[in-house]
Amino acid sequence: MFKLSIIIPAYNEGERIKPTLDDYCNYFKDDTEIIIVVNNCTDNTEDIVKACKKKYSNLRYIVADEPDGKGGAVMEGFKVAKGEVIGFVDADNATTAKEYDKLYRALGNNDGVIASRYRKDSEISERSIARKLASIMFRVFVKMMFWMPYSDTQCGAKLFNRKLTDFLIKNVAVENMAFDVEILYKAKKNGFKVIEAPTIWIDKEASAELGSPVKLAKNGIKMLLTLFKIRF
């Protein structure tokens, strides 16, 4: 049993994932497992992860051959994780290992903790206007539809205790990037206490799913439609 399991979903992250693995595997020791979910990749992500695995004893990976979105990949990671506390983080190292450790220490006796880029003490780097507008619109829709006490449901760094993780495995169905909202909404409805903590977040070049205005728009529409599915 590990104290902490950190899941990193990776869809075509060959150009970005090695620095993230170096950071996390060097920072966290043998009481932490780093689990990469190689998610239906068509690039060299799996080869890079295999090479890193030879170097780091606390690194493991699974391959998701079916076309799962980020949410589906995270859930696959949850199913195999052995930690007392289980979380996930994006493959781009926008949240560094040091910042993720701060999040872990903020968990306390709560059931979960999520990083927020919009808390008073948070620091974030500059983003493109398109991504800023998309983020604002999505936050407005989430607040109007769910009235949850969170300023940022979409930051890619979250942690949950084993009890909440087991609940999420059985009750979360959304596989696209709106799955964060379903996680928080269902946790709140079922009496779990998930807090929000400030973070330092460094914007990175957009992922394979959000790497162009067309992809951003397409995924944004899909996520908005998913919000209605979750709520109604």
C-alpha atoms as a PDB file:
ATOM      1  CA  MET A   1       0.000   0.000   0.000  1.00  0.00           C
ATOM      2  CA  PHE A   2       1.261   3.442  -0.941  1.00  0.00           C
ATOM      3  CA  LYS A   3       0.488   6.701   0.843  1.00  0.00           C
ATOM      4  CA  LEU A   4      -0.243   8.417  -2.451  1.00  0.00           C
ATOM      5  CA  SER A   5      -1.111   7.420  -6.015  1.00  0.00           C
ATOM      6  CA  ILE A   6      -0.816  10.084  -8.730  1.00  0.00           C
ATOM      7  CA  ILE A   7      -2.503   9.340 -12.050  1.00  0.00           C
ATOM      8  CA  ILE A   8      -1.370  11.134 -15.186  1.00  0.00           C
ATOM      9  CA  PRO A   9      -3.664  10.652 -18.203  1.00  0.00           C
ATOM     10  CA  ALA A  10      -1.689  10.948 -21.425  1.00  0.00           C
ATOM     11  CA  TYR A  11      -3.208  11.349 -24.871  1.00  0.00           C
ATOM     12  CA  ASN A  12      -0.524  12.016 -27.502  1.00  0.00           C
ATOM     13  CA  GLU A  13       1.772  13.712 -24.981  1.00  0.00           C
ATOM     14  CA  GLY A  14       5.052  12.565 -26.519  1.00  0.00           C
ATOM     15  CA  GLU A  15       6.404  16.102 -26.805  1.00  0.00           C
ATOM     16  CA  ARG A  16       5.602  17.090 -23.211  1.00  0.00           C
ATOM     17  CA  ILE A  17       5.480  14.131 -20.868  1.00  0.00           C
ATOM     18  CA  LYS A  18       9.162  13.365 -20.137  1.00  0.00           C
ATOM     19  CA  PRO A  19       9.870  16.580 -18.146  1.00  0.00           C
ATOM     20  CA  THR A  20       6.692  15.905 -16.148  1.00  0.00           C
ATOM     21  CA  LEU A  21       7.764  12.336 -15.328  1.00  0.00           C
ATOM     22  CA  ASP A  22      11.261  13.472 -14.386  1.00  0.00           C
ATOM     23  CA  ASP A  23       9.812  16.110 -12.053  1.00  0.00           C
ATOM     24  CA  TYR A  24       7.256  13.869 -10.346  1.00  0.00           C
ATOM     25  CA  CYS A  25       9.330  10.673 -10.113  1.00  0.00           C
ATOM     26  CA  ASN A  26      12.331  12.525  -8.682  1.00  0.00           C
ATOM     27  CA  TYR A  27      10.274  14.591  -6.235  1.00  0.00           C
ATOM     28  CA  PHE A  28       8.050  11.840  -4.829  1.00  0.00           C
ATOM     29  CA  LYS A  29       9.694   8.823  -3.219  1.00  0.00           C
ATOM     30  CA  ASP A  30       8.879   5.129  -2.793  1.00  0.00           C
ATOM     31  CA  ASP A  31       5.736   5.759  -0.722  1.00  0.00           C
ATOM     32  CA  THR A  32       4.161   7.304  -3.848  1.00  0.00           C
ATOM     33  CA  GLU A  33       3.293   5.574  -7.106  1.00  0.00           C
ATOM     34  CA  ILE A  34       3.073   7.497 -10.370  1.00  0.00           C
ATOM     35  CA  ILE A  35       0.610   5.852 -12.775  1.00  0.00           C
ATOM     36  CA  ILE A  36       0.555   6.892 -16.427  1.00  0.00           C
ATOM     37  CA  VAL A  37      -2.568   6.016 -18.404  1.00  0.00           C
ATOM     38  CA  VAL A  38      -1.446   5.876 -22.034  1.00  0.00           C
ATOM     39  CA  ASN A  39      -4.777   6.818 -23.533  1.00  0.00           C
ATOM     40  CA  ASN A  40      -5.366   5.582 -27.082  1.00  0.00           C
ATOM     41  CA  CYS A  41      -2.205   7.345 -28.288  1.00  0.00           C
ATOM     42  CA  THR A  42      -1.080   7.473 -31.897  1.00  0.00           C
ATOM     43  CA  ASP A  43       2.313   9.090 -31.201  1.00  0.00           C
ATOM     44  CA  ASN A  44       5.395   7.962 -29.243  1.00  0.00           C
ATOM     45  CA  THR A  45       3.977   8.578 -25.754  1.00  0.00           C
ATOM     46  CA  GLU A  46       4.126   4.897 -24.788  1.00  0.00           C
ATOM     47  CA  ASP A  47       7.758   4.559 -25.921  1.00  0.00           C
ATOM     48  CA  ILE A  48       8.801   7.530 -23.800  1.00  0.00           C
ATOM     49  CA  VAL A  49       6.929   6.199 -20.764  1.00  0.00           C
ATOM     50  CA  LYS A  50       8.549   2.763 -21.227  1.00  0.00           C
ATOM     51  CA  ALA A  51      11.999   4.344 -21.287  1.00  0.00           C
ATOM     52  CA  CYS A  52      11.254   6.360 -18.137  1.00  0.00           C
ATOM     53  CA  LYS A  53       9.959   3.261 -16.349  1.00  0.00           C
ATOM     54  CA  LYS A  54      13.413   1.687 -16.602  1.00  0.00           C
ATOM     55  CA  LYS A  55      14.793   4.669 -14.720  1.00  0.00           C
ATOM     56  CA  TYR A  56      12.167   5.163 -12.008  1.00  0.00           C
ATOM     57  CA  SER A  57      11.037   2.384  -9.661  1.00  0.00           C
ATOM     58  CA  ASN A  58       7.943   4.330  -8.539  1.00  0.00           C
ATOM     59  CA  LEU A  59       6.597   4.658 -12.110  1.00  0.00           C
ATOM     60  CA  ARG A  60       4.052   2.288 -13.648  1.00  0.00           C
ATOM     61  CA  TYR A  61       1.765   2.565 -16.628  1.00  0.00           C
ATOM     62  CA  ILE A  62      -1.299   1.032 -18.221  1.00  0.00           C
ATOM     63  CA  VAL A  63      -2.481   1.262 -21.813  1.00  0.00           C
ATOM     64  CA  ALA A  64      -6.097   2.195 -22.546  1.00  0.00           C
ATOM     65  CA  ASP A  65      -6.745   0.864 -26.049  1.00  0.00           C
ATOM     66  CA  GLU A  66     -10.359   1.933 -26.213  1.00  0.00           C
ATOM     67  CA  PRO A  67     -11.119   5.569 -27.202  1.00  0.00           C
ATOM     68  CA  ASP A  68     -11.612   7.039 -23.735  1.00  0.00           C
ATOM     69  CA  GLY A  69     -11.470  10.754 -23.012  1.00  0.00           C
ATOM     70  CA  LYS A  70      -9.523  12.251 -20.134  1.00  0.00           C
ATOM     71  CA  GLY A  71     -12.234  11.297 -17.638  1.00  0.00           C
ATOM     72  CA  GLY A  72     -12.262   7.690 -18.788  1.00  0.00           C
ATOM     73  CA  ALA A  73      -8.477   7.508 -18.540  1.00  0.00           C
ATOM     74  CA  VAL A  74      -8.478   8.890 -15.001  1.00  0.00           C
ATOM     75  CA  MET A  75     -11.107   6.348 -13.945  1.00  0.00           C
ATOM     76  CA  GLU A  76      -8.981   3.527 -15.354  1.00  0.00           C
ATOM     77  CA  GLY A  77      -6.132   4.831 -13.227  1.00  0.00           C
ATOM     78  CA  PHE A  78      -8.353   4.979 -10.149  1.00  0.00           C
ATOM     79  CA  LYS A  79      -9.212   1.297 -10.601  1.00  0.00           C
ATOM     80  CA  VAL A  80      -5.593   0.128 -10.378  1.00  0.00           C
ATOM     81  CA  ALA A  81      -4.258   2.668  -7.862  1.00  0.00           C
ATOM     82  CA  LYS A  82      -3.045   1.283  -4.526  1.00  0.00           C
ATOM     83  CA  GLY A  83      -2.639   4.499  -2.543  1.00  0.00           C
ATOM     84  CA  GLU A  84      -4.440   5.603   0.592  1.00  0.00           C
ATOM     85  CA  VAL A  85      -4.917   8.922  -1.201  1.00  0.00           C
ATOM     86  CA  ILE A  86      -5.436   8.966  -4.964  1.00  0.00           C
ATOM     87  CA  GLY A  87      -5.277  11.929  -7.294  1.00  0.00           C
ATOM     88  CA  PHE A  88      -4.593  13.015 -10.826  1.00  0.00           C
ATOM     89  CA  VAL A  89      -2.652  15.726 -12.600  1.00  0.00           C
ATOM     90  CA  ASP A  90      -2.173  16.842 -16.194  1.00  0.00           C
ATOM     91  CA  ALA A  91       0.762  15.576 -18.261  1.00  0.00           C
ATOM     92  CA  ASP A  92       2.040  19.060 -19.161  1.00  0.00           C
ATOM     93  CA  ASN A  93       3.519  19.901 -15.730  1.00  0.00           C
ATOM     94  CA  ALA A  94       1.409  23.049 -15.478  1.00  0.00           C
ATOM     95  CA  THR A  95       1.140  21.939 -11.847  1.00  0.00           C
ATOM     96  CA  THR A  96       4.647  21.030 -10.723  1.00  0.00           C
ATOM     97  CA  ALA A  97       5.415  18.205  -8.310  1.00  0.00           C
ATOM     98  CA  LYS A  98       6.184  20.740  -5.590  1.00  0.00           C
ATOM     99  CA  GLU A  99       2.765  22.371  -6.015  1.00  0.00           C
ATOM    100  CA  TYR A 100       1.068  18.970  -6.061  1.00  0.00           C
ATOM    101  CA  ASP A 101       2.768  18.099  -2.782  1.00  0.00           C
ATOM    102  CA  LYS A 102       1.319  21.298  -1.288  1.00  0.00           C
ATOM    103  CA  LEU A 103      -2.116  20.141  -2.428  1.00  0.00           C
ATOM    104  CA  TYR A 104      -1.581  16.748  -0.788  1.00  0.00           C
ATOM    105  CA  ARG A 105      -0.600  18.415   2.500  1.00  0.00           C
ATOM    106  CA  ALA A 106      -3.731  20.605   2.337  1.00  0.00           C
ATOM    107  CA  LEU A 107      -6.053  17.573   2.261  1.00  0.00           C
ATOM    108  CA  GLY A 108      -6.118  17.109   6.031  1.00  0.00           C
ATOM    109  CA  ASN A 109      -9.188  15.228   7.246  1.00  0.00           C
ATOM    110  CA  ASN A 110     -11.262  16.173   4.208  1.00  0.00           C
ATOM    111  CA  ASP A 111     -12.415  13.702   1.576  1.00  0.00           C
ATOM    112  CA  GLY A 112     -10.800  15.628  -1.247  1.00  0.00           C
ATOM    113  CA  VAL A 113      -8.925  18.742  -2.268  1.00  0.00           C
ATOM    114  CA  ILE A 114      -8.795  20.467  -5.650  1.00  0.00           C
ATOM    115  CA  ALA A 115      -6.360  23.077  -6.921  1.00  0.00           C
ATOM    116  CA  SER A 116      -7.823  26.426  -7.949  1.00  0.00           C
ATOM    117  CA  ARG A 117      -6.217  28.939 -10.254  1.00  0.00           C
ATOM    118  CA  TYR A 118      -8.638  31.643  -9.138  1.00  0.00           C
ATOM    119  CA  ARG A 119      -8.218  31.780  -5.375  1.00  0.00           C
ATOM    120  CA  LYS A 120      -6.791  34.928  -3.812  1.00  0.00           C
ATOM    121  CA  ASP A 121      -3.336  33.435  -3.197  1.00  0.00           C
ATOM    122  CA  SER A 122      -3.061  31.612  -6.531  1.00  0.00           C
ATOM    123  CA  GLU A 123      -0.578  32.535  -9.237  1.00  0.00           C
ATOM    124  CA  ILE A 124      -1.131  31.738 -12.913  1.00  0.00           C
ATOM    125  CA  SER A 125       0.797  32.623 -16.043  1.00  0.00           C
ATOM    126  CA  GLU A 126      -0.720  34.437 -18.998  1.00  0.00           C
ATOM    127  CA  ARG A 127      -2.992  32.463 -21.353  1.00  0.00           C
ATOM    128  CA  SER A 128      -4.299  33.087 -24.850  1.00  0.00           C
ATOM    129  CA  ILE A 129      -7.439  35.200 -25.203  1.00  0.00           C
ATOM    130  CA  ALA A 130      -9.350  32.246 -26.674  1.00  0.00           C
ATOM    131  CA  ARG A 131      -8.550  29.994 -23.731  1.00  0.00           C
ATOM    132  CA  LYS A 132      -9.356  32.782 -21.273  1.00  0.00           C
ATOM    133  CA  LEU A 133     -12.775  33.362 -22.825  1.00  0.00           C
ATOM    134  CA  ALA A 134     -13.534  29.641 -22.991  1.00  0.00           C
ATOM    135  CA  SER A 135     -12.608  29.269 -19.329  1.00  0.00           C
ATOM    136  CA  ILE A 136     -14.778  32.202 -18.251  1.00  0.00           C
ATOM    137  CA  MET A 137     -17.786  30.939 -20.201  1.00  0.00           C
ATOM    138  CA  PHE A 138     -17.474  27.449 -18.788  1.00  0.00           C
ATOM    139  CA  ARG A 139     -17.108  28.726 -15.219  1.00  0.00           C
ATOM    140  CA  VAL A 140     -20.262  30.830 -15.632  1.00  0.00           C
ATOM    141  CA  PHE A 141     -22.269  27.867 -16.916  1.00  0.00           C
ATOM    142  CA  VAL A 142     -21.042  25.629 -14.095  1.00  0.00           C
ATOM    143  CA  LYS A 143     -21.895  28.206 -11.445  1.00  0.00           C
ATOM    144  CA  MET A 144     -25.365  28.857 -12.880  1.00  0.00           C
ATOM    145  CA  MET A 145     -26.250  25.190 -13.255  1.00  0.00           C
ATOM    146  CA  PHE A 146     -24.697  23.588 -10.177  1.00  0.00           C
ATOM    147  CA  TRP A 147     -24.113  26.316  -7.559  1.00  0.00           C
ATOM    148  CA  MET A 148     -21.073  24.546  -6.165  1.00  0.00           C
ATOM    149  CA  PRO A 149     -18.710  26.494  -3.880  1.00  0.00           C
ATOM    150  CA  TYR A 150     -15.722  26.238  -6.213  1.00  0.00           C
ATOM    151  CA  SER A 151     -14.017  28.938  -8.243  1.00  0.00           C
ATOM    152  CA  ASP A 152     -12.245  26.457 -10.537  1.00  0.00           C
ATOM    153  CA  THR A 153     -13.620  22.992 -11.311  1.00  0.00           C
ATOM    154  CA  GLN A 154     -11.269  22.423 -14.254  1.00  0.00           C
ATOM    155  CA  CYS A 155      -7.747  22.790 -12.886  1.00  0.00           C
ATOM    156  CA  GLY A 156      -6.088  19.460 -13.613  1.00  0.00           C
ATOM    157  CA  ALA A 157      -4.822  18.731 -10.098  1.00  0.00           C
ATOM    158  CA  LYS A 158      -7.108  16.949  -7.644  1.00  0.00           C
ATOM    159  CA  LEU A 159      -6.787  14.500  -4.719  1.00  0.00           C
ATOM    160  CA  PHE A 160      -9.296  12.237  -2.964  1.00  0.00           C
ATOM    161  CA  ASN A 161      -9.233   9.746  -0.128  1.00  0.00           C
ATOM    162  CA  ARG A 162      -9.861   6.066  -0.820  1.00  0.00           C
ATOM    163  CA  LYS A 163     -13.506   6.178   0.281  1.00  0.00           C
ATOM    164  CA  LEU A 164     -14.381   8.940  -2.170  1.00  0.00           C
ATOM    165  CA  THR A 165     -12.339   7.368  -4.957  1.00  0.00           C
ATOM    166  CA  ASP A 166     -14.217   4.065  -4.582  1.00  0.00           C
ATOM    167  CA  PHE A 167     -17.495   6.003  -4.791  1.00  0.00           C
ATOM    168  CA  LEU A 168     -16.374   7.851  -7.931  1.00  0.00           C
ATOM    169  CA  ILE A 169     -15.369   4.637  -9.725  1.00  0.00           C
ATOM    170  CA  LYS A 170     -18.930   3.365  -9.329  1.00  0.00           C
ATOM    171  CA  ASN A 171     -20.793   6.606 -10.007  1.00  0.00           C
ATOM    172  CA  VAL A 172     -18.930   8.737 -12.569  1.00  0.00           C
ATOM    173  CA  ALA A 173     -19.817   8.097 -16.216  1.00  0.00           C
ATOM    174  CA  VAL A 174     -18.556  11.169 -18.100  1.00  0.00           C
ATOM    175  CA  GLU A 175     -15.388  10.473 -20.092  1.00  0.00           C
ATOM    176  CA  ASN A 176     -14.654  13.877 -21.632  1.00  0.00           C
ATOM    177  CA  MET A 177     -13.060  16.863 -19.905  1.00  0.00           C
ATOM    178  CA  ALA A 178     -16.287  17.837 -18.137  1.00  0.00           C
ATOM    179  CA  PHE A 179     -15.873  14.821 -15.850  1.00  0.00           C
ATOM    180  CA  ASP A 180     -14.399  17.107 -13.177  1.00  0.00           C
ATOM    181  CA  VAL A 181     -17.821  18.703 -12.774  1.00  0.00           C
ATOM    182  CA  GLU A 182     -19.536  15.342 -12.384  1.00  0.00           C
ATOM    183  CA  ILE A 183     -16.966  14.296  -9.776  1.00  0.00           C
ATOM    184  CA  LEU A 184     -17.510  17.410  -7.664  1.00  0.00           C
ATOM    185  CA  TYR A 185     -21.281  17.526  -8.139  1.00  0.00           C
ATOM    186  CA  LYS A 186     -21.848  13.900  -7.135  1.00  0.00           C
ATOM    187  CA  ALA A 187     -19.388  14.127  -4.254  1.00  0.00           C
ATOM    188  CA  LYS A 188     -21.244  17.171  -2.912  1.00  0.00           C
ATOM    189  CA  LYS A 189     -24.675  15.553  -3.364  1.00  0.00           C
ATOM    190  CA  ASN A 190     -23.546  12.496  -1.417  1.00  0.00           C
ATOM    191  CA  GLY A 191     -22.080  14.288   1.570  1.00  0.00           C
ATOM    192  CA  PHE A 192     -18.350  14.170   0.815  1.00  0.00           C
ATOM    193  CA  LYS A 193     -16.306  17.187   1.832  1.00  0.00           C
ATOM    194  CA  VAL A 194     -14.025  18.479  -0.930  1.00  0.00           C
ATOM    195  CA  ILE A 195     -12.124  21.694  -0.314  1.00  0.00           C
ATOM    196  CA  GLU A 196     -10.382  24.087  -2.700  1.00  0.00           C
ATOM    197  CA  ALA A 197      -6.787  25.266  -2.316  1.00  0.00           C
ATOM    198  CA  PRO A 198      -4.749  27.944  -4.102  1.00  0.00           C
ATOM    199  CA  THR A 199      -2.002  26.893  -6.493  1.00  0.00           C
ATOM    200  CA  ILE A 200       0.774  28.138  -8.725  1.00  0.00           C
ATOM    201  CA  TRP A 201      -0.111  27.146 -12.287  1.00  0.00           C
ATOM    202  CA  ILE A 202       2.078  27.588 -15.359  1.00  0.00           C
ATOM    203  CA  ASP A 203       0.287  27.681 -18.701  1.00  0.00           C
ATOM    204  CA  LYS A 204       1.726  25.283 -21.244  1.00  0.00           C
ATOM    205  CA  GLU A 205       1.311  24.829 -24.962  1.00  0.00           C
ATOM    206  CA  ALA A 206      -2.169  23.418 -25.491  1.00  0.00           C
ATOM    207  CA  SER A 207      -2.753  19.673 -25.421  1.00  0.00           C
ATOM    208  CA  ALA A 208      -3.640  17.452 -28.375  1.00  0.00           C
ATOM    209  CA  GLU A 209      -7.302  17.903 -27.462  1.00  0.00           C
ATOM    210  CA  LEU A 210      -7.195  21.715 -27.185  1.00  0.00           C
ATOM    211  CA  GLY A 211      -4.303  22.620 -29.450  1.00  0.00           C
ATOM    212  CA  SER A 212      -6.156  24.768 -31.976  1.00  0.00           C
ATOM    213  CA  PRO A 213      -9.143  27.164 -31.987  1.00  0.00           C
ATOM    214  CA  VAL A 214     -11.177  24.543 -33.853  1.00  0.00           C
ATOM    215  CA  LYS A 215     -10.401  21.826 -31.300  1.00  0.00           C
ATOM    216  CA  LEU A 216     -11.014  24.247 -28.447  1.00  0.00           C
ATOM    217  CA  ALA A 217     -14.429  25.173 -29.846  1.00  0.00           C
ATOM    218  CA  LYS A 218     -15.371  21.577 -30.621  1.00  0.00           C
ATOM    219  CA  ASN A 219     -14.438  20.291 -27.167  1.00  0.00           C
ATOM    220  CA  GLY A 220     -15.991  23.335 -25.502  1.00  0.00           C
ATOM    221  CA  ILE A 221     -19.357  22.636 -27.112  1.00  0.00           C
ATOM    222  CA  LYS A 222     -19.124  18.962 -26.147  1.00  0.00           C
ATOM    223  CA  MET A 223     -18.360  19.911 -22.543  1.00  0.00           C
ATOM    224  CA  LEU A 224     -21.270  22.357 -22.348  1.00  0.00           C
ATOM    225  CA  LEU A 225     -23.672  19.719 -23.654  1.00  0.00           C
ATOM    226  CA  THR A 226     -22.278  17.312 -21.080  1.00  0.00           C
ATOM    227  CA  LEU A 227     -23.116  19.766 -18.292  1.00  0.00           C
ATOM    228  CA  PHE A 228     -26.807  19.485 -19.194  1.00  0.00           C
ATOM    229  CA  LYS A 229     -26.511  15.696 -19.195  1.00  0.00           C
ATOM    230  CA  ILE A 230     -24.947  15.704 -15.714  1.00  0.00           C
ATOM    231  CA  ARG A 231     -27.447  18.158 -14.268  1.00  0.00           C
ATOM    232  CA  PHE A 232     -30.692  16.937 -15.841  1.00  0.00           C
END
